[in-house]
N, C-alpha and C. Protein backbone atom coordinates (compact mmCIF):
# COMPACT_ATOMS: atom_id res chain seq x y z
N MET A 1 11.10 25.19 36.12
CA MET A 1 11.18 25.24 37.56
C MET A 1 10.33 26.39 38.09
N GLY A 2 9.77 26.17 39.25
CA GLY A 2 8.97 27.20 39.89
C GLY A 2 9.84 28.26 40.52
N THR A 3 9.24 29.31 41.03
CA THR A 3 9.99 30.41 41.65
C THR A 3 10.69 29.96 42.93
N ASP A 4 10.18 28.90 43.55
CA ASP A 4 10.80 28.38 44.78
C ASP A 4 11.83 27.29 44.50
N GLY A 5 12.14 27.05 43.23
CA GLY A 5 13.13 26.05 42.87
C GLY A 5 12.56 24.65 42.68
N SER A 6 11.27 24.47 42.94
CA SER A 6 10.66 23.15 42.77
C SER A 6 10.35 22.89 41.30
N LEU A 7 10.24 21.61 40.96
CA LEU A 7 9.90 21.22 39.60
C LEU A 7 8.44 21.59 39.33
N ARG A 8 8.18 22.18 38.21
CA ARG A 8 6.82 22.61 37.89
C ARG A 8 6.33 21.85 36.67
N MET A 9 5.09 21.35 36.78
CA MET A 9 4.47 20.67 35.65
C MET A 9 3.67 21.71 34.87
N CYS A 10 3.89 21.79 33.57
CA CYS A 10 3.13 22.71 32.73
C CYS A 10 1.84 22.02 32.31
N SER A 11 0.74 22.69 32.49
CA SER A 11 -0.54 22.07 32.18
C SER A 11 -1.09 22.60 30.87
N VAL A 12 -1.91 21.77 30.23
CA VAL A 12 -2.62 22.17 29.04
C VAL A 12 -4.02 22.56 29.49
N VAL A 13 -4.45 23.75 29.12
CA VAL A 13 -5.74 24.27 29.53
C VAL A 13 -6.64 24.38 28.31
N ARG A 14 -7.84 23.87 28.44
CA ARG A 14 -8.81 24.01 27.36
C ARG A 14 -9.89 24.97 27.82
N LYS A 15 -9.99 26.10 27.16
CA LYS A 15 -10.97 27.11 27.52
C LYS A 15 -12.36 26.63 27.13
N GLY A 16 -13.34 26.98 27.95
CA GLY A 16 -14.71 26.63 27.63
C GLY A 16 -15.18 27.38 26.40
N ARG A 17 -16.06 26.79 25.67
CA ARG A 17 -16.60 27.46 24.49
C ARG A 17 -18.10 27.20 24.44
N GLY A 18 -18.81 28.10 23.90
CA GLY A 18 -20.24 27.89 23.75
C GLY A 18 -20.55 27.26 22.42
N GLN A 19 -21.42 26.27 22.44
CA GLN A 19 -21.86 25.66 21.18
C GLN A 19 -23.38 25.71 21.18
N LEU A 20 -23.93 26.29 20.15
CA LEU A 20 -25.37 26.40 20.02
C LEU A 20 -25.83 25.47 18.90
N ASP A 21 -26.77 24.59 19.21
CA ASP A 21 -27.35 23.69 18.23
C ASP A 21 -28.82 24.04 18.05
N PHE A 22 -29.37 23.75 16.87
CA PHE A 22 -30.77 24.07 16.58
C PHE A 22 -31.41 22.85 15.94
N THR A 23 -32.59 22.47 16.42
CA THR A 23 -33.33 21.35 15.87
C THR A 23 -34.81 21.73 15.80
N THR A 24 -35.43 21.38 14.68
CA THR A 24 -36.87 21.59 14.58
C THR A 24 -37.48 20.46 13.76
N THR A 25 -38.73 20.16 14.06
CA THR A 25 -39.48 19.16 13.30
C THR A 25 -40.86 19.71 12.99
N VAL A 26 -41.39 19.27 11.86
CA VAL A 26 -42.74 19.66 11.44
C VAL A 26 -43.46 18.39 11.00
N THR A 27 -44.69 18.23 11.46
CA THR A 27 -45.51 17.07 11.08
C THR A 27 -46.75 17.61 10.34
N PRO A 28 -46.67 17.75 9.01
CA PRO A 28 -47.80 18.31 8.26
C PRO A 28 -49.01 17.37 8.18
N VAL A 29 -48.74 16.07 8.16
CA VAL A 29 -49.80 15.05 8.17
C VAL A 29 -49.41 14.02 9.22
N PRO A 30 -50.34 13.27 9.77
CA PRO A 30 -50.04 12.38 10.90
C PRO A 30 -48.91 11.36 10.69
N ASN A 31 -48.64 10.92 9.49
CA ASN A 31 -47.64 9.87 9.27
C ASN A 31 -46.33 10.36 8.67
N VAL A 32 -46.16 11.66 8.49
CA VAL A 32 -44.93 12.19 7.87
C VAL A 32 -44.38 13.32 8.75
N THR A 33 -43.08 13.26 9.04
CA THR A 33 -42.41 14.30 9.82
C THR A 33 -41.15 14.74 9.09
N PHE A 34 -40.98 16.05 8.96
CA PHE A 34 -39.78 16.63 8.39
C PHE A 34 -38.92 17.15 9.54
N ALA A 35 -37.60 16.89 9.47
CA ALA A 35 -36.68 17.32 10.53
C ALA A 35 -35.55 18.14 9.92
N PHE A 36 -35.10 19.16 10.67
CA PHE A 36 -33.99 20.01 10.24
C PHE A 36 -33.10 20.27 11.46
N ASP A 37 -31.79 20.05 11.32
CA ASP A 37 -30.83 20.23 12.42
C ASP A 37 -29.65 21.07 11.94
N VAL A 38 -29.17 21.92 12.84
CA VAL A 38 -27.92 22.65 12.62
C VAL A 38 -27.08 22.46 13.88
N VAL A 39 -25.86 21.94 13.72
CA VAL A 39 -24.95 21.72 14.84
C VAL A 39 -23.84 22.77 14.76
N ASN A 40 -23.52 23.40 15.89
CA ASN A 40 -22.49 24.44 16.01
C ASN A 40 -22.84 25.68 15.19
N VAL A 41 -24.02 26.25 15.49
CA VAL A 41 -24.50 27.44 14.79
C VAL A 41 -23.51 28.60 14.92
N LEU A 42 -22.91 28.78 16.08
CA LEU A 42 -21.99 29.90 16.33
C LEU A 42 -20.63 29.72 15.67
N GLY A 43 -20.22 28.48 15.45
CA GLY A 43 -18.93 28.22 14.81
C GLY A 43 -17.72 28.57 15.66
N ASN A 44 -17.87 28.57 16.99
CA ASN A 44 -16.75 28.93 17.87
C ASN A 44 -15.66 27.86 17.84
N PRO A 45 -14.38 28.28 17.76
CA PRO A 45 -13.29 27.31 17.76
C PRO A 45 -13.00 26.80 19.17
N LEU A 46 -12.37 25.64 19.25
CA LEU A 46 -11.91 25.05 20.51
C LEU A 46 -10.44 25.44 20.65
N ARG A 47 -10.08 26.09 21.76
CA ARG A 47 -8.71 26.58 21.97
C ARG A 47 -8.06 25.87 23.14
N ARG A 48 -6.83 25.43 22.94
CA ARG A 48 -6.04 24.82 24.01
C ARG A 48 -4.79 25.65 24.21
N TYR A 49 -4.46 25.87 25.50
CA TYR A 49 -3.31 26.69 25.86
C TYR A 49 -2.36 25.87 26.73
N ARG A 50 -1.09 26.28 26.79
CA ARG A 50 -0.13 25.68 27.70
C ARG A 50 0.41 26.78 28.60
N GLU A 51 0.33 26.54 29.92
CA GLU A 51 0.91 27.47 30.88
C GLU A 51 2.41 27.23 30.95
N PHE A 52 3.20 28.30 31.06
CA PHE A 52 4.64 28.11 31.07
C PHE A 52 5.35 28.74 32.26
N ASN A 53 4.62 29.30 33.23
CA ASN A 53 5.28 29.78 34.45
C ASN A 53 4.28 29.83 35.60
N ASP A 54 4.76 30.18 36.80
CA ASP A 54 3.91 30.20 37.99
C ASP A 54 2.88 31.33 37.97
N VAL A 55 3.12 32.35 37.20
CA VAL A 55 2.21 33.48 37.13
C VAL A 55 0.94 33.11 36.37
N GLY A 56 1.02 32.07 35.55
CA GLY A 56 -0.13 31.64 34.77
C GLY A 56 -0.10 32.14 33.33
N ASP A 57 1.05 32.67 32.91
CA ASP A 57 1.18 33.07 31.51
C ASP A 57 1.02 31.84 30.63
N GLU A 58 0.46 32.05 29.45
CA GLU A 58 0.19 30.91 28.59
C GLU A 58 0.39 31.28 27.14
N TYR A 59 0.53 30.27 26.31
CA TYR A 59 0.58 30.48 24.87
C TYR A 59 -0.39 29.50 24.22
N THR A 60 -0.87 29.87 23.05
CA THR A 60 -1.83 29.02 22.34
C THR A 60 -1.11 27.80 21.81
N ARG A 61 -1.64 26.64 22.14
CA ARG A 61 -1.04 25.37 21.72
C ARG A 61 -1.77 24.80 20.51
N GLN A 62 -3.10 24.93 20.49
CA GLN A 62 -3.88 24.34 19.42
C GLN A 62 -5.21 25.08 19.30
N ILE A 63 -5.65 25.30 18.07
CA ILE A 63 -6.97 25.86 17.80
C ILE A 63 -7.65 24.94 16.79
N LEU A 64 -8.82 24.42 17.17
CA LEU A 64 -9.58 23.55 16.28
C LEU A 64 -10.81 24.30 15.80
N TYR A 65 -10.95 24.43 14.51
CA TYR A 65 -12.12 25.07 13.94
C TYR A 65 -13.11 23.97 13.56
N LEU A 66 -14.13 23.82 14.40
CA LEU A 66 -15.13 22.78 14.19
C LEU A 66 -16.20 23.31 13.25
N GLU A 67 -16.52 22.53 12.25
CA GLU A 67 -17.43 23.02 11.23
C GLU A 67 -18.89 22.99 11.66
N ARG A 68 -19.66 23.82 11.03
CA ARG A 68 -21.11 23.85 11.22
C ARG A 68 -21.69 22.74 10.33
N THR A 69 -22.63 21.98 10.87
CA THR A 69 -23.20 20.84 10.15
C THR A 69 -24.71 21.00 10.04
N TYR A 70 -25.23 20.78 8.84
CA TYR A 70 -26.66 20.84 8.59
C TYR A 70 -27.16 19.44 8.23
N SER A 71 -28.36 19.11 8.69
CA SER A 71 -28.96 17.84 8.26
C SER A 71 -30.47 18.02 8.11
N VAL A 72 -31.00 17.32 7.12
CA VAL A 72 -32.42 17.37 6.82
C VAL A 72 -32.90 15.93 6.72
N GLY A 73 -34.07 15.66 7.24
CA GLY A 73 -34.58 14.30 7.19
C GLY A 73 -36.10 14.25 7.07
N VAL A 74 -36.58 13.11 6.59
CA VAL A 74 -38.01 12.85 6.49
C VAL A 74 -38.27 11.51 7.14
N ARG A 75 -39.29 11.46 8.01
CA ARG A 75 -39.66 10.20 8.67
C ARG A 75 -41.10 9.85 8.25
N PHE A 76 -41.25 8.57 7.94
CA PHE A 76 -42.57 8.05 7.58
C PHE A 76 -42.99 7.02 8.62
N ARG A 77 -44.24 7.04 9.01
CA ARG A 77 -44.78 6.02 9.93
C ARG A 77 -45.85 5.22 9.19
N PHE A 78 -45.76 3.90 9.34
CA PHE A 78 -46.72 3.02 8.66
C PHE A 78 -47.64 2.38 9.66
């Protein structure tokens, strides 16, 4: 209940997070391209909170640790 006696809905808040991705390609010869990608270079977790009163106090509800992903590829053109 709120401070005025009204029913209060508790919300789930997801804080913003920065995600940095990196991609590069190299074409050493006209028909061959090498590609390299890194997703989530910073490795920042995603945090969700639940507010539990009118003042805005909150507690951590969930923390997701998203992994860093690497990929390498080669493209050929005929």
